[in-house]
């Protein structure tokens, strides 16, 4: 069975509207009006504009590109905090330049985490991680010759793991504190910060809370042990709406409450003709329709 999909899997054609938090600002970095957020899982550098797909999707309306992905780890040799990412930053800079040339206001962010990815190393504080991230962004990501001064901010995509026995199947108080403090530091420096929680990690319909990411609903697919319980909601409650510019809830979480609301009790789904994708499938069916199994 497919597990919880990650934002890493949601490519630009699957972009969606995000909820802008009311007290967040930074109009100089975020486009005005509705936000259409797309996750860029590729930048192949084969085009003079960096990547034709990314440019085309921005032309079609995507105005926040969250490039996938990065992790915050401790270097095994130096013991220092390191931002790991395999993205072609020259390609990203070329895409950004082309969008500016076309007059398309677009924010460029980098995601941190993903499904099966390590959570940030808590050997360092949130403030220390912010300093490391900012130095990396300025020294390794920015391409000033192309008019690109680095990412506008970062998107928290910390999730669980295929294995329920993994250490990454549970958040820790220290880890959430790191996320909150790094976010506050970034916002104070006028960078963007966003959250992309699976629905169970940010569920306004319940007050249930847990650090575990291997929970199950007793009344809806209890065999599916990959849920959280409002761990991301804690971040907003603790560090304030003003710290986060938008929250992009993953309603496509495997067997989510959104799925339940759409299809009803198990066994009642009337799916369109043709093969039904896995409940965590990253690609929508033809025509942009999205459904899920009951």
Protein backbone atom coordinates (compact mmCIF):
# COMPACT_ATOMS: atom_id res chain seq x y z
CA UNK A 1 0.00 0.00 0.00
CA UNK A 2 1.22 3.46 -0.86
CA UNK A 3 1.91 5.66 2.12
CA UNK A 4 1.36 9.34 2.69
CA UNK A 5 2.35 11.33 -0.40
CA UNK A 6 4.80 14.13 0.07
CA UNK A 7 4.94 17.57 -1.34
CA UNK A 8 7.97 16.22 -3.18
CA UNK A 9 5.62 14.15 -5.28
CA UNK A 10 3.18 16.95 -6.06
CA UNK A 11 4.64 18.29 -9.27
CA UNK A 12 3.77 21.66 -10.73
CA UNK A 13 0.81 20.44 -12.82
CA UNK A 14 -0.80 19.43 -9.48
CA UNK A 15 -0.48 22.88 -7.99
CA UNK A 16 -3.15 24.12 -5.60
CA UNK A 17 -4.37 27.15 -3.74
CA UNK A 18 -2.77 27.84 -0.38
CA UNK A 19 -4.33 29.59 2.60
CA UNK A 20 -2.51 32.84 3.28
CA UNK A 21 -2.46 33.55 7.02
CA UNK A 22 -4.12 36.89 7.75
CA UNK A 23 -1.40 38.50 9.83
CA UNK A 24 1.52 37.46 7.62
CA UNK A 25 3.03 40.18 5.47
CA UNK A 26 6.07 40.55 3.22
CA UNK A 27 4.23 41.70 0.12
CA UNK A 28 7.61 42.40 -1.44
CA UNK A 29 8.33 38.68 -1.59
CA UNK A 30 4.88 37.11 -2.01
CA UNK A 31 2.82 37.89 -5.11
CA UNK A 32 -0.38 39.78 -4.39
CA UNK A 33 -3.76 38.10 -4.63
CA UNK A 34 -4.43 34.34 -4.50
CA UNK A 35 -1.42 32.08 -4.17
CA UNK A 36 -1.10 29.13 -6.52
CA UNK A 37 1.68 26.98 -5.10
CA UNK A 38 3.52 24.36 -7.16
CA UNK A 39 6.27 22.00 -6.05
CA UNK A 40 9.18 21.87 -8.45
CA UNK A 41 10.66 18.39 -8.34
CA UNK A 42 12.98 18.98 -11.28
CA UNK A 43 15.15 21.61 -12.91
CA UNK A 44 17.12 19.86 -15.62
CA UNK A 45 19.03 22.86 -17.01
CA UNK A 46 18.53 21.62 -20.58
CA UNK A 47 16.92 24.85 -21.73
CA UNK A 48 18.20 28.40 -22.05
CA UNK A 49 15.47 29.33 -19.57
CA UNK A 50 16.51 26.58 -17.15
CA UNK A 51 13.53 24.25 -17.38
CA UNK A 52 10.71 24.66 -19.91
CA UNK A 53 8.11 22.88 -17.74
CA UNK A 54 8.65 25.16 -14.77
CA UNK A 55 8.42 28.27 -16.93
CA UNK A 56 5.27 26.98 -18.66
CA UNK A 57 3.51 26.26 -15.37
CA UNK A 58 4.34 29.71 -14.04
CA UNK A 59 2.93 31.17 -17.25
CA UNK A 60 -0.23 29.14 -16.54
CA UNK A 61 -0.67 30.76 -13.13
CA UNK A 62 1.68 29.20 -10.57
CA UNK A 63 3.08 32.15 -8.61
CA UNK A 64 4.90 30.36 -5.76
CA UNK A 65 7.41 27.68 -6.74
CA UNK A 66 8.62 25.56 -3.85
CA UNK A 67 11.69 23.78 -5.12
CA UNK A 68 12.15 20.26 -3.77
CA UNK A 69 14.04 19.59 -1.58
CA UNK A 70 16.61 20.02 1.18
CA UNK A 71 17.55 18.55 4.56
CA UNK A 72 19.24 20.06 7.60
CA UNK A 73 21.97 17.66 8.71
CA UNK A 74 25.15 17.60 10.73
CA UNK A 75 28.26 17.10 8.61
CA UNK A 76 29.88 13.82 9.68
CA UNK A 77 33.38 15.18 9.06
CA UNK A 78 33.25 18.76 10.31
CA UNK A 79 30.41 18.43 12.80
CA UNK A 80 28.90 21.65 11.44
CA UNK A 81 25.30 22.27 10.34
CA UNK A 82 24.89 21.68 6.61
CA UNK A 83 22.00 22.24 4.21
CA UNK A 84 21.84 19.30 1.82
CA UNK A 85 20.16 19.67 -1.56
CA UNK A 86 20.70 18.17 -4.98
CA UNK A 87 18.99 20.94 -6.91
CA UNK A 88 20.70 22.57 -9.88
CA UNK A 89 20.74 26.14 -8.56
CA UNK A 90 21.95 27.59 -11.86
CA UNK A 91 18.83 26.14 -13.45
CA UNK A 92 16.65 27.64 -10.71
CA UNK A 93 18.30 31.03 -11.27
CA UNK A 94 17.63 30.79 -15.03
CA UNK A 95 13.97 30.00 -14.41
CA UNK A 96 13.69 32.96 -12.06
CA UNK A 97 15.34 35.25 -14.62
CA UNK A 98 12.97 34.15 -17.38
CA UNK A 99 9.91 34.70 -15.20
CA UNK A 100 11.12 38.21 -14.39
CA UNK A 101 11.66 38.86 -18.10
CA UNK A 102 8.06 37.82 -18.76
CA UNK A 103 6.76 40.02 -15.97
CA UNK A 104 5.45 37.10 -13.91
CA UNK A 105 5.79 37.86 -10.17
CA UNK A 106 6.90 34.57 -8.62
CA UNK A 107 8.25 33.62 -5.21
CA UNK A 108 10.92 30.93 -5.09
CA UNK A 109 11.18 28.83 -1.93
CA UNK A 110 12.95 25.60 -0.96
CA UNK A 111 11.25 22.77 0.90
CA UNK A 112 12.82 21.17 3.96
CA UNK A 113 12.11 17.50 4.54
CA UNK A 114 9.69 15.18 2.75
CA UNK A 115 8.37 11.68 3.28
CA UNK A 116 11.14 9.32 4.49
CA UNK A 117 13.50 12.28 4.89
CA UNK A 118 15.44 12.95 8.10
CA UNK A 119 14.16 15.62 10.45
CA UNK A 120 16.52 18.54 11.19
CA UNK A 121 19.46 17.72 13.43
CA UNK A 122 18.70 19.01 16.92
CA UNK A 123 22.39 19.26 17.82
CA UNK A 124 21.95 22.88 16.73
CA UNK A 125 19.38 25.48 17.75
CA UNK A 126 16.88 27.06 15.42
CA UNK A 127 18.93 30.26 15.48
CA UNK A 128 22.08 28.35 14.49
CA UNK A 129 20.24 26.60 11.69
CA UNK A 130 18.95 29.94 10.44
CA UNK A 131 22.48 31.31 10.25
CA UNK A 132 23.64 28.18 8.41
CA UNK A 133 20.70 28.31 5.98
CA UNK A 134 21.18 32.00 5.25
CA UNK A 135 24.90 31.56 4.59
CA UNK A 136 24.16 28.61 2.28
CA UNK A 137 21.51 30.60 0.43
CA UNK A 138 23.84 33.55 -0.09
CA UNK A 139 27.02 31.63 -0.87
CA UNK A 140 25.83 28.52 -2.74
CA UNK A 141 22.37 29.25 -4.09
CA UNK A 142 22.49 32.89 -5.20
CA UNK A 143 23.66 33.63 -8.75
CA UNK A 144 24.02 37.39 -8.82
CA UNK A 145 25.19 37.38 -12.45
CA UNK A 146 21.73 36.02 -13.33
CA UNK A 147 19.93 38.44 -11.02
CA UNK A 148 19.05 35.72 -8.51
CA UNK A 149 19.88 36.43 -4.88
CA UNK A 150 18.71 33.06 -3.57
CA UNK A 151 15.48 31.61 -2.30
CA UNK A 152 12.84 33.90 -0.84
CA UNK A 153 12.38 31.52 2.07
CA UNK A 154 11.63 27.92 2.98
CA UNK A 155 8.70 25.56 3.31
CA UNK A 156 8.46 23.03 6.16
CA UNK A 157 7.60 19.60 4.73
CA UNK A 158 8.62 17.42 7.67
CA UNK A 159 6.71 14.14 7.59
CA UNK A 160 6.83 10.51 8.65
CA UNK A 161 8.46 7.38 7.31
CA UNK A 162 7.52 4.15 5.53
CA UNK A 163 8.77 2.26 8.58
CA UNK A 164 6.83 2.82 11.78
CA UNK A 165 9.99 1.85 13.68
CA UNK A 166 11.96 4.75 12.17
CA UNK A 167 13.03 7.59 14.44
CA UNK A 168 11.44 9.89 11.88
CA UNK A 169 7.99 8.46 12.64
CA UNK A 170 7.78 10.73 15.66
CA UNK A 171 8.36 14.43 16.20
CA UNK A 172 10.20 15.57 19.32
CA UNK A 173 9.73 18.69 21.46
CA UNK A 174 13.29 19.70 20.58
CA UNK A 175 12.57 19.29 16.88
CA UNK A 176 9.43 21.41 16.95
CA UNK A 177 11.27 24.07 18.96
CA UNK A 178 13.99 24.12 16.31
CA UNK A 179 11.38 24.58 13.56
CA UNK A 180 9.66 27.37 15.45
CA UNK A 181 12.81 29.29 16.37
CA UNK A 182 14.31 28.99 12.89
CA UNK A 183 11.02 30.22 11.41
CA UNK A 184 10.90 33.23 13.73
CA UNK A 185 14.50 34.13 12.85
CA UNK A 186 13.78 33.88 9.13
CA UNK A 187 10.65 36.00 9.38
CA UNK A 188 12.52 38.64 11.41
CA UNK A 189 14.98 38.81 8.52
CA UNK A 190 12.09 39.33 6.04
CA UNK A 191 12.16 35.85 4.49
CA UNK A 192 9.12 33.72 3.70
CA UNK A 193 8.16 30.73 5.85
CA UNK A 194 5.36 28.29 5.03
CA UNK A 195 3.94 24.97 6.21
CA UNK A 196 2.73 22.06 4.09
CA UNK A 197 1.24 19.61 6.61
CA UNK A 198 -0.67 16.44 5.72
CA UNK A 199 -4.28 16.99 6.80
CA UNK A 200 -3.96 14.93 9.99
CA UNK A 201 -0.97 17.05 11.06
CA UNK A 202 -3.13 20.20 10.88
CA UNK A 203 -6.76 19.23 11.44
CA UNK A 204 -9.04 22.04 12.61
CA UNK A 205 -11.88 19.57 13.17
CA UNK A 206 -10.25 17.99 16.22
CA UNK A 207 -8.30 19.05 19.31
CA UNK A 208 -6.39 15.76 19.40
CA UNK A 209 -2.62 16.23 19.66
CA UNK A 210 0.31 13.86 19.47
CA UNK A 211 3.95 13.89 18.38
CA UNK A 212 3.51 10.46 16.80
CA UNK A 213 3.29 10.16 13.01
CA UNK A 214 2.14 6.54 13.03
CA UNK A 215 -1.39 6.92 14.31
CA UNK A 216 -4.61 5.56 12.81
CA UNK A 217 -8.25 6.62 12.76
CA UNK A 218 -10.46 4.13 14.60
CA UNK A 219 -13.40 4.86 12.29
CA UNK A 220 -11.73 5.32 8.90
CA UNK A 221 -9.22 2.79 7.50
CA UNK A 222 -7.79 1.80 10.90
CA UNK A 223 -5.21 -0.34 9.11
CA UNK A 224 -3.49 2.83 7.85
CA UNK A 225 -0.88 3.76 10.49
CA UNK A 226 0.69 6.88 8.99
CA UNK A 227 -1.24 9.74 10.54
CA UNK A 228 -0.26 12.59 12.80
CA UNK A 229 -2.37 14.64 15.22
CA UNK A 230 -2.03 18.41 14.92
CA UNK A 231 1.74 18.64 15.36
CA UNK A 232 1.85 21.48 12.83
CA UNK A 233 -1.07 23.24 14.49
CA UNK A 234 1.13 23.51 17.58
CA UNK A 235 3.68 25.52 15.58
CA UNK A 236 1.11 28.15 14.64
CA UNK A 237 -0.33 28.25 18.16
CA UNK A 238 3.08 28.54 19.81
CA UNK A 239 4.93 30.82 17.40
CA UNK A 240 2.00 32.81 16.02
CA UNK A 241 0.27 33.30 12.70
CA UNK A 242 2.62 36.17 11.97
CA UNK A 243 5.51 33.70 11.69
CA UNK A 244 4.05 31.79 8.74
CA UNK A 245 3.04 33.31 5.43
CA UNK A 246 0.75 30.51 4.31
CA UNK A 247 -0.32 26.97 5.15
CA UNK A 248 -0.82 24.53 2.26
CA UNK A 249 -2.65 21.52 3.75
CA UNK A 250 -2.14 18.20 1.97
CA UNK A 251 -5.75 17.08 1.55
CA UNK A 252 -4.42 14.23 -0.59
CA UNK A 253 -2.92 12.53 2.45
CA UNK A 254 -3.58 8.80 2.20
CA UNK A 255 -7.14 8.05 3.36
CA UNK A 256 -7.51 11.60 4.63
CA UNK A 257 -10.63 13.05 6.22
CA UNK A 258 -11.05 15.03 3.02
CA UNK A 259 -11.09 11.73 1.14
CA UNK A 260 -13.66 10.37 3.58
CA UNK A 261 -15.87 13.42 3.10
CA UNK A 262 -15.75 12.98 -0.68
CA UNK A 263 -16.40 9.26 -0.98
CA UNK A 264 -18.36 8.31 2.15
CA UNK A 265 -18.03 5.06 4.13
CA UNK A 266 -15.77 2.25 2.82
CA UNK A 267 -17.21 0.50 -0.20
CA UNK A 268 -19.30 3.42 -1.48
CA UNK A 269 -16.89 4.97 -3.96
CA UNK A 270 -18.13 5.34 -7.52
CA UNK A 271 -14.87 6.01 -9.34
CA UNK A 272 -14.61 7.14 -12.96
CA UNK A 273 -13.94 4.42 -15.54
CA UNK A 274 -10.43 3.11 -15.78
CA UNK A 275 -7.78 2.16 -13.23
CA UNK A 276 -8.02 3.84 -9.84
CA UNK A 277 -4.69 5.28 -8.65
CA UNK A 278 -3.25 4.43 -5.30
CA UNK A 279 -4.71 6.52 -2.45
CA UNK A 280 -1.42 8.33 -2.20
CA UNK A 281 -0.78 8.62 -5.91
CA UNK A 282 1.15 11.78 -6.80
CA UNK A 283 -0.40 12.33 -10.24
CA UNK A 284 -4.03 13.33 -10.78
CA UNK A 285 -6.14 11.47 -13.35
CA UNK A 286 -6.62 13.01 -16.82
CA UNK A 287 -8.53 16.25 -16.77
CA UNK A 288 -7.27 17.22 -13.34
CA UNK A 289 -9.85 15.12 -11.48
CA UNK A 290 -8.74 13.72 -8.15
CA UNK A 291 -10.40 10.88 -6.28
CA UNK A 292 -9.47 8.41 -3.61
CA UNK A 293 -10.40 4.89 -2.62
CA UNK A 294 -12.97 4.24 0.05
